[in-house]
Amino acid sequence: MRMKFYQAGVALAAMLAAAGTATAQGEFSGNVALSSDYVWRGVSQTDSDPAISGGFDYANGLFYAGTWASNVDFGDDSDTNMEIDFYGGLAGELESGISWDVGVIYYAYPDAEESDLDFVELKGALGYGFDSGLSIGGEAYYDVDNENLYLNATAGFALSDAFSVDGSVGSYQFDAGDDYTNWSLGGTYSALGFGFDVRYWDTDLDGTDLADERVVFTISRSM
């Protein structure tokens, strides 16, 4: 087993022990989605091609865990075609209405035979929802393997029970340099158990057309 997977496993075990009540009484859920592009932090992960993704989640009290997978295409320099994420953490809400989330994410690329692409991130997030329908949030992700930091700020507004709009601004700070900023603006509509999302992405990253502006359409279904 790789050390990165061991680190993620230790972190998940520690959070599970802290939760204490993560038993079979929790709730399981699943999701599946089809997207015109898989964009992660402003950069296409599928060489601007469509993506099929899906995952499973478990929640019990403050504790949550899950896994998610998607096809990927990083170009000729990588032989991987699959990303599988494993994550877990603790999340809740304070009496003041502030939501919080701390966790760990392990990004795995099991078919990358000639390169080690796997890495682990630690996550921390805060959010708040107003009675008006406005919500704001902030997230921090730290890559413990490569010492990279990603900061993201979000704001959204629910126009109705079915339709909402939101935007985000993120800053990716690399230990080796070449930092960049990304931003997005989109709308989500829910109907008949499906979610429909249209989102505009862009970055100030130069040197690759995979980070150029683009519009992504996603249809999803929760189970």
C-alpha atoms as a PDB file:
ATOM      1  CA  MET A   1       0.000   0.000   0.000  1.00  0.00           C
ATOM      2  CA  ARG A   2       1.246   3.472  -0.753  1.00  0.00           C
ATOM      3  CA  MET A   3       2.134   5.773   2.119  1.00  0.00           C
ATOM      4  CA  LYS A   4      -0.428   8.303   0.913  1.00  0.00           C
ATOM      5  CA  PHE A   5      -3.234   5.787   1.213  1.00  0.00           C
ATOM      6  CA  TYR A   6      -1.970   4.845   4.684  1.00  0.00           C
ATOM      7  CA  GLN A   7      -2.000   8.505   5.750  1.00  0.00           C
ATOM      8  CA  ALA A   8      -5.562   8.931   4.552  1.00  0.00           C
ATOM      9  CA  GLY A   9      -6.626   5.723   6.296  1.00  0.00           C
ATOM     10  CA  VAL A  10      -5.126   6.830   9.589  1.00  0.00           C
ATOM     11  CA  ALA A  11      -6.897  10.183   9.368  1.00  0.00           C
ATOM     12  CA  LEU A  12     -10.221   8.554   8.564  1.00  0.00           C
ATOM     13  CA  ALA A  13      -9.843   6.090  11.423  1.00  0.00           C
ATOM     14  CA  ALA A  14      -9.090   8.908  13.840  1.00  0.00           C
ATOM     15  CA  MET A  15     -12.193  10.828  12.788  1.00  0.00           C
ATOM     16  CA  LEU A  16     -14.314   7.698  13.007  1.00  0.00           C
ATOM     17  CA  ALA A  17     -13.117   7.125  16.557  1.00  0.00           C
ATOM     18  CA  ALA A  18     -13.862  10.748  17.410  1.00  0.00           C
ATOM     19  CA  ALA A  19     -17.386  10.477  16.040  1.00  0.00           C
ATOM     20  CA  GLY A  20     -18.011   7.438  18.212  1.00  0.00           C
ATOM     21  CA  THR A  21     -21.532   6.833  16.901  1.00  0.00           C
ATOM     22  CA  ALA A  22     -20.881   5.927  13.264  1.00  0.00           C
ATOM     23  CA  THR A  23     -22.846   2.665  13.219  1.00  0.00           C
ATOM     24  CA  ALA A  24     -25.225   0.975  10.817  1.00  0.00           C
ATOM     25  CA  GLN A  25     -27.926   3.420  11.978  1.00  0.00           C
ATOM     26  CA  GLY A  26     -26.492   6.118   9.710  1.00  0.00           C
ATOM     27  CA  GLU A  27     -27.811   7.139   6.308  1.00  0.00           C
ATOM     28  CA  PHE A  28     -26.458   6.064   2.921  1.00  0.00           C
ATOM     29  CA  SER A  29     -26.940   7.998  -0.323  1.00  0.00           C
ATOM     30  CA  GLY A  30     -25.651   7.895  -3.861  1.00  0.00           C
ATOM     31  CA  ASN A  31     -25.269  10.204  -6.837  1.00  0.00           C
ATOM     32  CA  VAL A  32     -24.524  10.029 -10.539  1.00  0.00           C
ATOM     33  CA  ALA A  33     -23.840  12.827 -13.029  1.00  0.00           C
ATOM     34  CA  LEU A  34     -23.109  13.457 -16.689  1.00  0.00           C
ATOM     35  CA  SER A  35     -21.108  16.619 -17.509  1.00  0.00           C
ATOM     36  CA  SER A  36     -19.978  18.221 -20.725  1.00  0.00           C
ATOM     37  CA  ASP A  37     -16.542  18.637 -19.060  1.00  0.00           C
ATOM     38  CA  TYR A  38     -14.961  17.761 -15.720  1.00  0.00           C
ATOM     39  CA  VAL A  39     -13.556  21.069 -14.467  1.00  0.00           C
ATOM     40  CA  TRP A  40     -11.641  21.062 -11.182  1.00  0.00           C
ATOM     41  CA  ARG A  41     -10.513  24.391  -9.782  1.00  0.00           C
ATOM     42  CA  GLY A  42     -10.882  25.990 -13.170  1.00  0.00           C
ATOM     43  CA  VAL A  43      -8.933  23.397 -15.185  1.00  0.00           C
ATOM     44  CA  SER A  44     -10.409  20.627 -17.344  1.00  0.00           C
ATOM     45  CA  GLN A  45      -9.574  17.133 -16.108  1.00  0.00           C
ATOM     46  CA  THR A  46     -10.934  15.398 -19.214  1.00  0.00           C
ATOM     47  CA  ASP A  47      -9.142  17.297 -21.997  1.00  0.00           C
ATOM     48  CA  SER A  48     -12.381  19.282 -22.560  1.00  0.00           C
ATOM     49  CA  ASP A  49     -14.363  16.075 -23.160  1.00  0.00           C
ATOM     50  CA  PRO A  50     -17.505  14.858 -21.319  1.00  0.00           C
ATOM     51  CA  ALA A  51     -17.350  13.075 -17.985  1.00  0.00           C
ATOM     52  CA  ILE A  52     -19.462  10.470 -16.225  1.00  0.00           C
ATOM     53  CA  SER A  53     -19.137  10.512 -12.450  1.00  0.00           C
ATOM     54  CA  GLY A  54     -20.805   9.106  -9.373  1.00  0.00           C
ATOM     55  CA  GLY A  55     -20.340   8.242  -5.752  1.00  0.00           C
ATOM     56  CA  PHE A  56     -21.706   6.989  -2.452  1.00  0.00           C
ATOM     57  CA  ASP A  57     -21.929   8.766   0.906  1.00  0.00           C
ATOM     58  CA  TYR A  58     -22.531   7.738   4.507  1.00  0.00           C
ATOM     59  CA  ALA A  59     -23.543  10.131   7.291  1.00  0.00           C
ATOM     60  CA  ASN A  60     -24.144   9.564  10.979  1.00  0.00           C
ATOM     61  CA  GLY A  61     -24.358  12.520  13.325  1.00  0.00           C
ATOM     62  CA  LEU A  62     -21.273  14.663  12.826  1.00  0.00           C
ATOM     63  CA  PHE A  63     -19.411  11.965  10.923  1.00  0.00           C
ATOM     64  CA  TYR A  64     -19.467  11.498   7.163  1.00  0.00           C
ATOM     65  CA  ALA A  65     -17.506   9.427   4.653  1.00  0.00           C
ATOM     66  CA  GLY A  66     -17.769   8.626   0.995  1.00  0.00           C
ATOM     67  CA  THR A  67     -16.188   7.841  -2.325  1.00  0.00           C
ATOM     68  CA  TRP A  68     -16.522   9.418  -5.775  1.00  0.00           C
ATOM     69  CA  ALA A  69     -15.162   8.476  -9.204  1.00  0.00           C
ATOM     70  CA  SER A  70     -14.905  10.001 -12.673  1.00  0.00           C
ATOM     71  CA  ASN A  71     -13.162   9.436 -15.959  1.00  0.00           C
ATOM     72  CA  VAL A  72     -10.178  11.718 -16.594  1.00  0.00           C
ATOM     73  CA  ASP A  73      -7.811  12.534 -19.439  1.00  0.00           C
ATOM     74  CA  PHE A  74      -4.619  14.444 -18.670  1.00  0.00           C
ATOM     75  CA  GLY A  75      -3.238  14.247 -22.193  1.00  0.00           C
ATOM     76  CA  ASP A  76      -0.315  12.385 -23.727  1.00  0.00           C
ATOM     77  CA  ASP A  77       1.915  12.802 -20.663  1.00  0.00           C
ATOM     78  CA  SER A  78      -0.328  10.629 -18.482  1.00  0.00           C
ATOM     79  CA  ASP A  79      -1.693   7.138 -19.007  1.00  0.00           C
ATOM     80  CA  THR A  80      -4.484   7.386 -16.439  1.00  0.00           C
ATOM     81  CA  ASN A  81      -8.171   7.335 -17.332  1.00  0.00           C
ATOM     82  CA  MET A  82      -9.771   7.171 -13.897  1.00  0.00           C
ATOM     83  CA  GLU A  83      -9.910   9.203 -10.689  1.00  0.00           C
ATOM     84  CA  ILE A  84     -11.297   7.715  -7.465  1.00  0.00           C
ATOM     85  CA  ASP A  85     -11.624   9.889  -4.370  1.00  0.00           C
ATOM     86  CA  PHE A  86     -12.043   8.705  -0.788  1.00  0.00           C
ATOM     87  CA  TYR A  87     -13.046  11.218   1.865  1.00  0.00           C
ATOM     88  CA  GLY A  88     -14.315  11.532   5.387  1.00  0.00           C
ATOM     89  CA  GLY A  89     -14.684  14.068   8.130  1.00  0.00           C
ATOM     90  CA  LEU A  90     -16.781  15.765  10.739  1.00  0.00           C
ATOM     91  CA  ALA A  91     -19.366  18.439   9.935  1.00  0.00           C
ATOM     92  CA  GLY A  92     -22.015  20.273  11.890  1.00  0.00           C
ATOM     93  CA  GLU A  93     -23.618  23.598  12.698  1.00  0.00           C
ATOM     94  CA  LEU A  94     -23.099  25.920  15.662  1.00  0.00           C
ATOM     95  CA  GLU A  95     -25.945  27.550  17.580  1.00  0.00           C
ATOM     96  CA  SER A  96     -25.111  30.776  15.751  1.00  0.00           C
ATOM     97  CA  GLY A  97     -26.004  29.111  12.445  1.00  0.00           C
ATOM     98  CA  ILE A  98     -22.408  28.840  11.222  1.00  0.00           C
ATOM     99  CA  SER A  99     -21.734  25.498   9.533  1.00  0.00           C
ATOM    100  CA  TRP A 100     -18.310  23.861   9.773  1.00  0.00           C
ATOM    101  CA  ASP A 101     -16.539  20.952   8.114  1.00  0.00           C
ATOM    102  CA  VAL A 102     -13.119  19.376   8.706  1.00  0.00           C
ATOM    103  CA  GLY A 103     -11.953  16.361   6.775  1.00  0.00           C
ATOM    104  CA  VAL A 104      -9.442  14.570   4.587  1.00  0.00           C
ATOM    105  CA  ILE A 105      -9.577  13.654   0.892  1.00  0.00           C
ATOM    106  CA  TYR A 106      -7.463  11.013  -0.847  1.00  0.00           C
ATOM    107  CA  TYR A 107      -7.269  11.426  -4.641  1.00  0.00           C
ATOM    108  CA  ALA A 108      -6.335   8.130  -6.304  1.00  0.00           C
ATOM    109  CA  TYR A 109      -5.490   7.353  -9.931  1.00  0.00           C
ATOM    110  CA  PRO A 110      -5.269   3.538  -9.895  1.00  0.00           C
ATOM    111  CA  ASP A 111      -4.415   3.037 -13.571  1.00  0.00           C
ATOM    112  CA  ALA A 112      -1.547   5.562 -13.684  1.00  0.00           C
ATOM    113  CA  GLU A 113       1.099   2.875 -14.156  1.00  0.00           C
ATOM    114  CA  GLU A 114       4.043   5.108 -15.052  1.00  0.00           C
ATOM    115  CA  SER A 115       3.421   8.069 -12.743  1.00  0.00           C
ATOM    116  CA  ASP A 116       2.475   8.637  -9.110  1.00  0.00           C
ATOM    117  CA  LEU A 117      -0.426  11.073  -9.263  1.00  0.00           C
ATOM    118  CA  ASP A 118      -2.080  10.189  -5.932  1.00  0.00           C
ATOM    119  CA  PHE A 119      -2.198  12.831  -3.210  1.00  0.00           C
ATOM    120  CA  VAL A 120      -3.950  13.704   0.062  1.00  0.00           C
ATOM    121  CA  GLU A 121      -5.607  16.971   1.069  1.00  0.00           C
ATOM    122  CA  LEU A 122      -6.768  18.206   4.456  1.00  0.00           C
ATOM    123  CA  LYS A 123      -9.946  20.281   4.322  1.00  0.00           C
ATOM    124  CA  GLY A 124     -11.488  22.973   6.494  1.00  0.00           C
ATOM    125  CA  ALA A 125     -14.656  24.936   5.664  1.00  0.00           C
ATOM    126  CA  LEU A 126     -17.067  27.447   7.210  1.00  0.00           C
ATOM    127  CA  GLY A 127     -20.414  28.677   5.912  1.00  0.00           C
ATOM    128  CA  TYR A 128     -23.475  30.692   6.857  1.00  0.00           C
ATOM    129  CA  GLY A 129     -26.974  30.911   5.413  1.00  0.00           C
ATOM    130  CA  PHE A 130     -29.159  33.984   5.836  1.00  0.00           C
ATOM    131  CA  ASP A 131     -32.954  33.962   6.041  1.00  0.00           C
ATOM    132  CA  SER A 132     -33.057  35.947   2.796  1.00  0.00           C
ATOM    133  CA  GLY A 133     -31.708  32.959   0.879  1.00  0.00           C
ATOM    134  CA  LEU A 134     -28.160  34.282   0.660  1.00  0.00           C
ATOM    135  CA  SER A 135     -25.370  31.911   1.692  1.00  0.00           C
ATOM    136  CA  ILE A 136     -21.627  32.509   1.974  1.00  0.00           C
ATOM    137  CA  GLY A 137     -18.720  30.188   2.631  1.00  0.00           C
ATOM    138  CA  GLY A 138     -14.986  29.692   2.649  1.00  0.00           C
ATOM    139  CA  GLU A 139     -12.822  26.588   2.204  1.00  0.00           C
ATOM    140  CA  ALA A 140      -9.150  25.747   2.623  1.00  0.00           C
ATOM    141  CA  TYR A 141      -7.440  22.639   1.220  1.00  0.00           C
ATOM    142  CA  TYR A 142      -3.857  21.701   2.051  1.00  0.00           C
ATOM    143  CA  ASP A 143      -1.982  19.140  -0.035  1.00  0.00           C
ATOM    144  CA  VAL A 144       0.188  17.361   2.520  1.00  0.00           C
ATOM    145  CA  ASP A 145       2.267  15.599  -0.158  1.00  0.00           C
ATOM    146  CA  ASN A 146       3.213  18.603  -2.282  1.00  0.00           C
ATOM    147  CA  GLU A 147       2.673  21.415   0.263  1.00  0.00           C
ATOM    148  CA  ASN A 148       0.164  23.224  -1.969  1.00  0.00           C
ATOM    149  CA  LEU A 149      -2.705  25.355  -0.651  1.00  0.00           C
ATOM    150  CA  TYR A 150      -6.071  26.048  -2.265  1.00  0.00           C
ATOM    151  CA  LEU A 151      -8.391  28.738  -0.862  1.00  0.00           C
ATOM    152  CA  ASN A 152     -11.942  29.154  -2.132  1.00  0.00           C
ATOM    153  CA  ALA A 153     -14.728  31.638  -1.345  1.00  0.00           C
ATOM    154  CA  THR A 154     -18.341  31.067  -2.398  1.00  0.00           C
ATOM    155  CA  ALA A 155     -21.626  32.965  -2.374  1.00  0.00           C
ATOM    156  CA  GLY A 156     -25.043  31.759  -3.453  1.00  0.00           C
ATOM    157  CA  PHE A 157     -28.651  32.854  -3.490  1.00  0.00           C
ATOM    158  CA  ALA A 158     -31.745  30.645  -3.536  1.00  0.00           C
ATOM    159  CA  LEU A 159     -34.328  32.273  -5.771  1.00  0.00           C
ATOM    160  CA  SER A 160     -36.809  29.489  -5.011  1.00  0.00           C
ATOM    161  CA  ASP A 161     -36.875  25.970  -3.600  1.00  0.00           C
ATOM    162  CA  ALA A 162     -35.895  24.699  -7.059  1.00  0.00           C
ATOM    163  CA  PHE A 163     -33.588  27.361  -8.478  1.00  0.00           C
ATOM    164  CA  SER A 164     -30.414  28.951  -7.110  1.00  0.00           C
ATOM    165  CA  VAL A 165     -27.395  30.844  -8.412  1.00  0.00           C
ATOM    166  CA  ASP A 166     -23.878  30.900  -7.016  1.00  0.00           C
ATOM    167  CA  GLY A 167     -20.338  32.019  -7.698  1.00  0.00           C
ATOM    168  CA  SER A 168     -16.863  31.233  -6.443  1.00  0.00           C
ATOM    169  CA  VAL A 169     -13.335  32.614  -6.463  1.00  0.00           C
ATOM    170  CA  GLY A 170     -10.399  30.340  -5.735  1.00  0.00           C
ATOM    171  CA  SER A 171      -6.649  30.815  -5.333  1.00  0.00           C
ATOM    172  CA  TYR A 172      -4.280  27.892  -5.950  1.00  0.00           C
ATOM    173  CA  GLN A 173      -0.890  28.432  -4.305  1.00  0.00           C
ATOM    174  CA  PHE A 174       1.843  25.954  -5.255  1.00  0.00           C
ATOM    175  CA  ASP A 175       5.013  25.335  -3.306  1.00  0.00           C
ATOM    176  CA  ALA A 176       6.899  25.237  -6.615  1.00  0.00           C
ATOM    177  CA  GLY A 177       5.303  28.437  -7.947  1.00  0.00           C
ATOM    178  CA  ASP A 178       2.941  29.101 -10.897  1.00  0.00           C
ATOM    179  CA  ASP A 179       0.058  30.161  -8.628  1.00  0.00           C
ATOM    180  CA  TYR A 180      -3.238  31.027 -10.291  1.00  0.00           C
ATOM    181  CA  THR A 181      -6.767  32.254  -9.582  1.00  0.00           C
ATOM    182  CA  ASN A 182      -9.982  30.719 -10.863  1.00  0.00           C
ATOM    183  CA  TRP A 183     -13.601  31.816 -10.721  1.00  0.00           C
ATOM    184  CA  SER A 184     -17.014  30.458 -11.622  1.00  0.00           C
ATOM    185  CA  LEU A 185     -20.629  31.582 -11.921  1.00  0.00           C
ATOM    186  CA  GLY A 186     -23.570  29.259 -12.375  1.00  0.00           C
ATOM    187  CA  GLY A 187     -27.173  28.324 -11.765  1.00  0.00           C
ATOM    188  CA  THR A 188     -28.784  25.087 -10.573  1.00  0.00           C
ATOM    189  CA  TYR A 189     -32.364  23.940 -11.136  1.00  0.00           C
ATOM    190  CA  SER A 190     -33.943  20.875  -9.517  1.00  0.00           C
ATOM    191  CA  ALA A 191     -36.930  19.053 -10.983  1.00  0.00           C
ATOM    192  CA  LEU A 192     -38.310  15.491 -10.946  1.00  0.00           C
ATOM    193  CA  GLY A 193     -35.400  14.303  -8.828  1.00  0.00           C
ATOM    194  CA  PHE A 194     -32.770  15.621 -11.249  1.00  0.00           C
ATOM    195  CA  GLY A 195     -30.395  18.545 -10.924  1.00  0.00           C
ATOM    196  CA  PHE A 196     -29.455  20.719 -13.910  1.00  0.00           C
ATOM    197  CA  ASP A 197     -26.411  22.954 -13.580  1.00  0.00           C
ATOM    198  CA  VAL A 198     -24.954  25.451 -16.065  1.00  0.00           C
ATOM    199  CA  ARG A 199     -21.626  26.985 -15.028  1.00  0.00           C
ATOM    200  CA  TYR A 200     -19.091  29.410 -16.459  1.00  0.00           C
ATOM    201  CA  TRP A 201     -15.422  28.805 -15.535  1.00  0.00           C
ATOM    202  CA  ASP A 202     -12.280  30.840 -16.143  1.00  0.00           C
ATOM    203  CA  THR A 203      -8.754  31.306 -14.761  1.00  0.00           C
ATOM    204  CA  ASP A 204      -5.756  33.611 -15.135  1.00  0.00           C
ATOM    205  CA  LEU A 205      -3.522  30.599 -15.812  1.00  0.00           C
ATOM    206  CA  ASP A 206      -1.398  30.885 -18.950  1.00  0.00           C
ATOM    207  CA  GLY A 207       0.206  28.201 -21.061  1.00  0.00           C
ATOM    208  CA  THR A 208      -2.673  25.726 -21.409  1.00  0.00           C
ATOM    209  CA  ASP A 209      -6.043  25.916 -23.160  1.00  0.00           C
ATOM    210  CA  LEU A 210      -7.445  23.512 -20.539  1.00  0.00           C
ATOM    211  CA  ALA A 211      -7.673  26.525 -18.198  1.00  0.00           C
ATOM    212  CA  ASP A 212      -9.375  28.835 -20.693  1.00  0.00           C
ATOM    213  CA  GLU A 213     -12.909  30.094 -20.175  1.00  0.00           C
ATOM    214  CA  ARG A 214     -15.655  27.533 -20.750  1.00  0.00           C
ATOM    215  CA  VAL A 215     -19.289  26.774 -20.007  1.00  0.00           C
ATOM    216  CA  VAL A 216     -20.087  23.387 -18.461  1.00  0.00           C
ATOM    217  CA  PHE A 217     -23.494  21.713 -18.357  1.00  0.00           C
ATOM    218  CA  THR A 218     -24.215  18.951 -15.813  1.00  0.00           C
ATOM    219  CA  ILE A 219     -27.250  16.775 -15.214  1.00  0.00           C
ATOM    220  CA  SER A 220     -27.225  14.847 -11.942  1.00  0.00           C
ATOM    221  CA  ARG A 221     -29.389  12.482  -9.949  1.00  0.00           C
ATOM    222  CA  SER A 222     -29.297  11.729  -6.225  1.00  0.00           C
ATOM    223  CA  MET A 223     -30.344   8.304  -4.965  1.00  0.00           C
END
